[in-house]
Amino acid sequence: KKKKLNRMGASFEPAKAALVALPNPRTKYAKSLKNLSPLYVPKLYLLLAAVVLVLVCVAKPQGVDSDARVLIDGLDFAPSIKMSGISQQLIGGGTRLKYNVVKIYAVGVYMDAAGAKRALKPYLGLAAGALQKQAGFYKAVIEARFAKALLLYFHRSVGSSAVVDALRDSLAPRLKAPSLAKFREVLQQMLGDSVPKGSQLFFSCRGDNLHMSVSSSSSPLLMQDKTICAALFDVYLGSSPISMQAKEGFTLGFAERVGA
């Protein structure tokens, strides 16, 4: 899990320039300071120090850099998203493979970190290895009603019917027929004919509400069902996940980002 911070490497350049511009004792400018009143010299250096401090603060924003991205199998994921009206933090993820060879999409698991800490308190402080042995941990995540989301980021172009059918087949053992048919209908309506390379498919859950959208800025389609959210997360975090990479990445991320 590498972090790509595009501007952070250059963020201190203005401050460096200001420091380089400070008077050199050997230059005529520094010598001219001798002509200043002793009362003004400390004030001058204090002013210069204040300018440098301001430049540093401007050059390096506080908090997470707006361009900070998290790489999952070479694809850039935002460290946080706002879905279902709540800011959700990226926990971890991995790649969905077909025939264990072809990369279809990378999946990232997002959560309301504050809600997760309250609901998953018994599992805070456990290392990833310990969490992997706790079936109750995954069950608690799957059944939790706090805001959480799955982001499917596609490595390649895929026909929408292939995506719909694959998710339908994964959900079939977990949902009753009416709920499965409703999910398929809403998803097909949203996707249209195809899913181009680079598409981002969001499934955001909160309580019994599932919001689906093709991008974080598009208007989501709502499906209300008491079983759909748990079934969808069970596909990725249950005892038989369709991507073991995603489950392991989520577990490691939870231990490092939420449980620590």
Protein backbone atom coordinates (compact mmCIF):
# COMPACT_ATOMS: atom_id res chain seq x y z
CA LYS A 1 0.00 0.00 0.00
CA LYS A 2 1.98 2.92 -1.23
CA LYS A 3 0.95 6.50 -0.87
CA LYS A 4 1.40 8.91 -3.72
CA LEU A 5 1.65 12.51 -2.53
CA ASN A 6 2.18 14.46 -5.73
CA ARG A 7 2.88 17.88 -4.30
CA MET A 8 4.33 17.10 -0.93
CA GLY A 9 7.90 16.74 -2.25
CA ALA A 10 7.80 20.31 -3.52
CA SER A 11 5.78 21.72 -0.68
CA PHE A 12 8.73 23.22 1.17
CA GLU A 13 10.35 24.93 -1.85
CA PRO A 14 9.00 28.43 -1.06
CA ALA A 15 10.28 28.10 2.49
CA LYS A 16 13.70 26.96 1.20
CA ALA A 17 13.85 29.97 -1.09
CA ALA A 18 13.13 32.29 1.80
CA LEU A 19 15.86 30.72 3.88
CA VAL A 20 18.38 31.02 1.04
CA ALA A 21 17.45 34.66 0.72
CA LEU A 22 18.44 35.46 4.31
CA PRO A 23 21.39 37.92 4.44
CA ASN A 24 24.84 36.37 4.20
CA PRO A 25 27.20 37.98 6.70
CA ARG A 26 29.80 38.35 3.94
CA THR A 27 27.58 40.32 1.53
CA LYS A 28 27.28 44.08 1.37
CA TYR A 29 23.68 43.75 2.54
CA ALA A 30 24.73 42.08 5.74
CA LYS A 31 27.48 44.68 6.23
CA SER A 32 24.91 47.40 5.84
CA LEU A 33 23.16 46.05 8.91
CA LYS A 34 26.00 47.51 10.92
CA ASN A 35 24.61 50.94 10.10
CA LEU A 36 21.24 50.06 11.60
CA SER A 37 20.35 50.86 15.14
CA PRO A 38 20.89 47.83 17.43
CA LEU A 39 17.19 48.08 18.29
CA TYR A 40 16.15 47.37 14.68
CA VAL A 41 18.37 44.39 13.92
CA PRO A 42 16.54 41.87 16.15
CA LYS A 43 13.22 43.14 14.82
CA LEU A 44 14.40 42.66 11.23
CA TYR A 45 15.40 39.04 11.83
CA LEU A 46 12.15 38.42 13.72
CA LEU A 47 10.23 39.75 10.70
CA LEU A 48 12.18 37.48 8.35
CA ALA A 49 11.51 34.48 10.59
CA ALA A 50 7.79 35.28 10.56
CA VAL A 51 7.81 35.43 6.74
CA VAL A 52 9.51 32.03 6.58
CA LEU A 53 6.94 30.55 8.99
CA VAL A 54 4.05 31.89 6.90
CA LEU A 55 5.57 30.44 3.73
CA VAL A 56 5.92 27.03 5.37
CA CYS A 57 2.29 27.05 6.52
CA VAL A 58 1.08 28.04 3.07
CA ALA A 59 3.31 25.53 1.30
CA LYS A 60 2.21 22.55 3.42
CA PRO A 61 -1.53 22.40 4.14
CA GLN A 62 -2.61 20.92 7.44
CA GLY A 63 -4.34 17.54 7.50
CA VAL A 64 -4.52 15.15 4.54
CA ASP A 65 -3.29 16.65 1.27
CA SER A 66 -6.15 17.05 -1.20
CA ASP A 67 -4.12 15.21 -3.85
CA ALA A 68 -3.14 12.35 -1.55
CA ARG A 69 -4.10 9.05 -3.11
CA VAL A 70 -3.76 5.46 -2.00
CA LEU A 71 -2.61 2.87 -4.52
CA ILE A 72 -4.41 -0.47 -4.69
CA ASP A 73 -2.85 -2.63 -7.38
CA GLY A 74 -1.68 0.44 -9.30
CA LEU A 75 -5.02 2.30 -9.20
CA ASP A 76 -5.46 5.56 -7.28
CA PHE A 77 -8.10 5.51 -4.56
CA ALA A 78 -9.13 8.61 -2.62
CA PRO A 79 -8.24 8.31 1.08
CA SER A 80 -11.79 9.36 1.94
CA ILE A 81 -15.13 9.83 0.18
CA LYS A 82 -18.46 11.31 1.18
CA MET A 83 -21.27 8.84 0.56
CA SER A 84 -24.65 8.37 2.24
CA GLY A 85 -24.14 11.85 3.67
CA ILE A 86 -21.11 10.80 5.75
CA SER A 87 -17.36 11.04 5.19
CA GLN A 88 -15.91 7.54 4.96
CA GLN A 89 -12.26 6.53 5.27
CA LEU A 90 -10.53 4.04 2.99
CA ILE A 91 -9.66 0.99 5.09
CA GLY A 92 -8.08 -1.31 2.52
CA GLY A 93 -8.75 -3.55 -0.44
CA GLY A 94 -7.36 -5.68 -3.23
CA THR A 95 -7.90 -7.01 -6.75
CA ARG A 96 -10.73 -9.06 -8.20
CA LEU A 97 -9.24 -11.60 -10.59
CA LYS A 98 -10.92 -13.82 -13.17
CA TYR A 99 -9.47 -17.29 -13.54
CA ASN A 100 -6.85 -16.11 -10.99
CA VAL A 101 -5.04 -14.32 -13.83
CA VAL A 102 -7.05 -11.53 -15.48
CA LYS A 103 -7.45 -8.33 -13.45
CA ILE A 104 -11.03 -7.09 -13.63
CA TYR A 105 -11.18 -4.40 -10.95
CA ALA A 106 -9.64 -3.32 -7.68
CA VAL A 107 -12.01 -2.99 -4.74
CA GLY A 108 -11.62 -0.58 -1.84
CA VAL A 109 -13.58 -0.83 1.42
CA TYR A 110 -14.57 2.48 3.05
CA MET A 111 -16.09 3.08 6.48
CA ASP A 112 -17.30 5.75 8.82
CA ALA A 113 -14.26 5.40 11.11
CA ALA A 114 -16.01 6.83 14.18
CA GLY A 115 -18.99 4.51 13.74
CA ALA A 116 -16.68 1.57 13.16
CA LYS A 117 -14.76 2.22 16.38
CA ARG A 118 -17.99 2.23 18.38
CA ALA A 119 -19.48 -0.86 16.76
CA LEU A 120 -16.26 -2.87 16.56
CA LYS A 121 -14.78 -1.91 19.92
CA PRO A 122 -13.94 -5.53 20.95
CA TYR A 123 -11.59 -5.79 17.96
CA LEU A 124 -9.67 -2.56 18.40
CA GLY A 125 -5.99 -3.04 19.12
CA LEU A 126 -5.78 -6.48 17.52
CA ALA A 127 -3.14 -7.16 14.86
CA ALA A 128 -4.20 -8.25 11.39
CA GLY A 129 -3.13 -11.84 12.08
CA ALA A 130 -5.34 -11.99 15.15
CA LEU A 131 -8.29 -10.43 13.32
CA GLN A 132 -8.07 -13.02 10.54
CA LYS A 133 -8.79 -15.73 13.12
CA GLN A 134 -11.85 -13.90 14.45
CA ALA A 135 -14.90 -14.96 12.43
CA GLY A 136 -16.96 -12.71 14.70
CA PHE A 137 -15.01 -9.69 13.47
CA TYR A 138 -16.05 -10.14 9.85
CA LYS A 139 -19.61 -10.98 10.87
CA ALA A 140 -19.79 -7.75 12.88
CA VAL A 141 -18.51 -5.71 9.93
CA ILE A 142 -20.89 -7.38 7.48
CA GLU A 143 -23.94 -6.85 9.70
CA ALA A 144 -22.97 -3.38 10.95
CA ARG A 145 -25.42 -0.57 10.19
CA PHE A 146 -22.95 2.31 10.24
CA ALA A 147 -22.03 3.94 6.91
CA LYS A 148 -19.71 1.80 4.78
CA ALA A 149 -19.00 1.49 1.09
CA LEU A 150 -17.40 -0.62 -1.62
CA LEU A 151 -15.64 1.07 -4.53
CA LEU A 152 -15.03 -1.07 -7.61
CA TYR A 153 -12.38 0.56 -9.82
CA PHE A 154 -12.14 -1.18 -13.21
CA HIS A 155 -8.81 -2.17 -14.76
CA ARG A 156 -10.45 -2.84 -18.13
CA SER A 157 -13.60 -2.24 -20.12
CA VAL A 158 -16.33 -4.78 -19.42
CA GLY A 159 -19.83 -5.27 -20.73
CA SER A 160 -22.41 -4.17 -18.19
CA SER A 161 -24.25 -7.49 -18.48
CA ALA A 162 -21.04 -9.31 -17.45
CA VAL A 163 -20.73 -7.13 -14.33
CA VAL A 164 -24.41 -7.50 -13.45
CA ASP A 165 -24.41 -11.26 -13.98
CA ALA A 166 -21.20 -11.78 -11.98
CA LEU A 167 -22.55 -9.85 -8.97
CA ARG A 168 -25.92 -11.56 -9.30
CA ASP A 169 -24.25 -14.99 -9.23
CA SER A 170 -22.22 -14.02 -6.15
CA LEU A 171 -25.29 -12.68 -4.35
CA ALA A 172 -27.64 -15.52 -5.33
CA PRO A 173 -26.74 -17.81 -2.36
CA ARG A 174 -27.08 -14.85 0.00
CA LEU A 175 -30.35 -13.21 -1.10
CA LYS A 176 -33.94 -14.21 -1.65
CA ALA A 177 -35.15 -14.11 -5.25
CA PRO A 178 -37.17 -10.85 -5.01
CA SER A 179 -34.23 -8.93 -3.48
CA LEU A 180 -31.82 -10.36 -6.04
CA ALA A 181 -34.09 -9.43 -8.96
CA LYS A 182 -34.49 -5.90 -7.60
CA PHE A 183 -30.73 -5.46 -7.23
CA ARG A 184 -30.10 -6.70 -10.76
CA GLU A 185 -32.72 -4.34 -12.19
CA VAL A 186 -31.35 -1.24 -10.43
CA LEU A 187 -27.72 -2.06 -11.26
CA GLN A 188 -28.48 -2.68 -14.95
CA GLN A 189 -30.41 0.59 -15.12
CA MET A 190 -27.44 2.47 -13.70
CA LEU A 191 -24.69 0.88 -15.82
CA GLY A 192 -26.30 1.06 -19.25
CA ASP A 193 -24.55 -0.91 -22.00
CA SER A 194 -20.94 -1.02 -20.83
CA VAL A 195 -18.49 -0.27 -18.04
CA PRO A 196 -15.47 1.53 -19.59
CA LYS A 197 -11.92 1.12 -18.31
CA GLY A 198 -11.33 3.45 -15.35
CA SER A 199 -14.99 3.41 -14.26
CA GLN A 200 -15.65 3.66 -10.53
CA LEU A 201 -18.69 1.84 -9.24
CA PHE A 202 -19.85 2.80 -5.73
CA PHE A 203 -22.03 0.74 -3.40
CA SER A 204 -22.68 2.74 -0.24
CA CYS A 205 -24.64 1.26 2.67
CA ARG A 206 -26.21 2.78 5.73
CA GLY A 207 -28.82 0.81 7.63
CA ASP A 208 -31.19 -0.77 5.09
CA ASN A 209 -30.33 1.74 2.35
CA LEU A 210 -28.00 0.92 -0.53
CA HIS A 211 -26.95 3.80 -2.76
CA MET A 212 -25.40 2.86 -6.11
CA SER A 213 -23.57 5.26 -8.43
CA VAL A 214 -21.04 5.15 -11.26
CA SER A 215 -19.03 8.00 -9.76
CA SER A 216 -18.98 9.77 -6.40
CA SER A 217 -20.44 12.93 -7.98
CA SER A 218 -23.30 11.32 -9.94
CA SER A 219 -26.81 11.04 -8.53
CA PRO A 220 -27.05 7.65 -6.80
CA LEU A 221 -29.86 5.17 -7.25
CA LEU A 222 -31.43 3.96 -4.03
CA MET A 223 -32.40 0.42 -3.16
CA GLN A 224 -34.07 -0.20 0.18
CA ASP A 225 -33.83 -3.76 1.44
CA LYS A 226 -33.10 -5.27 4.85
CA THR A 227 -30.72 -7.91 3.46
CA ILE A 228 -28.87 -6.39 0.52
CA CYS A 229 -26.06 -4.57 2.39
CA ALA A 230 -25.04 -7.53 4.52
CA ALA A 231 -25.16 -9.82 1.48
CA LEU A 232 -23.02 -7.46 -0.60
CA PHE A 233 -20.32 -7.12 2.06
CA ASP A 234 -20.41 -10.87 2.67
CA VAL A 235 -19.39 -11.32 -0.98
CA TYR A 236 -16.07 -9.59 -0.21
CA LEU A 237 -15.53 -10.16 3.52
CA GLY A 238 -17.40 -13.39 4.24
CA SER A 239 -16.07 -16.92 4.68
CA SER A 240 -15.90 -17.45 0.89
CA PRO A 241 -14.84 -14.06 -0.53
CA ILE A 242 -14.60 -13.56 -4.29
CA SER A 243 -11.32 -11.69 -3.69
CA MET A 244 -9.10 -12.96 -0.90
CA GLN A 245 -6.72 -10.07 -1.66
CA ALA A 246 -9.48 -7.57 -0.85
CA LYS A 247 -10.37 -9.31 2.41
CA GLU A 248 -6.73 -9.45 3.51
CA GLY A 249 -6.14 -5.84 2.50
CA PHE A 250 -9.19 -4.72 4.46
CA THR A 251 -8.07 -6.66 7.54
CA LEU A 252 -4.58 -5.17 7.46
CA GLY A 253 -5.99 -1.69 6.91
CA PHE A 254 -8.43 -2.00 9.79
CA ALA A 255 -5.66 -3.02 12.19
CA GLU A 256 -3.46 -0.10 11.08
CA ARG A 257 -5.99 2.69 10.44
CA VAL A 258 -8.93 2.03 12.75
CA GLY A 259 -7.89 -0.43 15.43
CA ALA A 260 -4.49 1.03 16.28
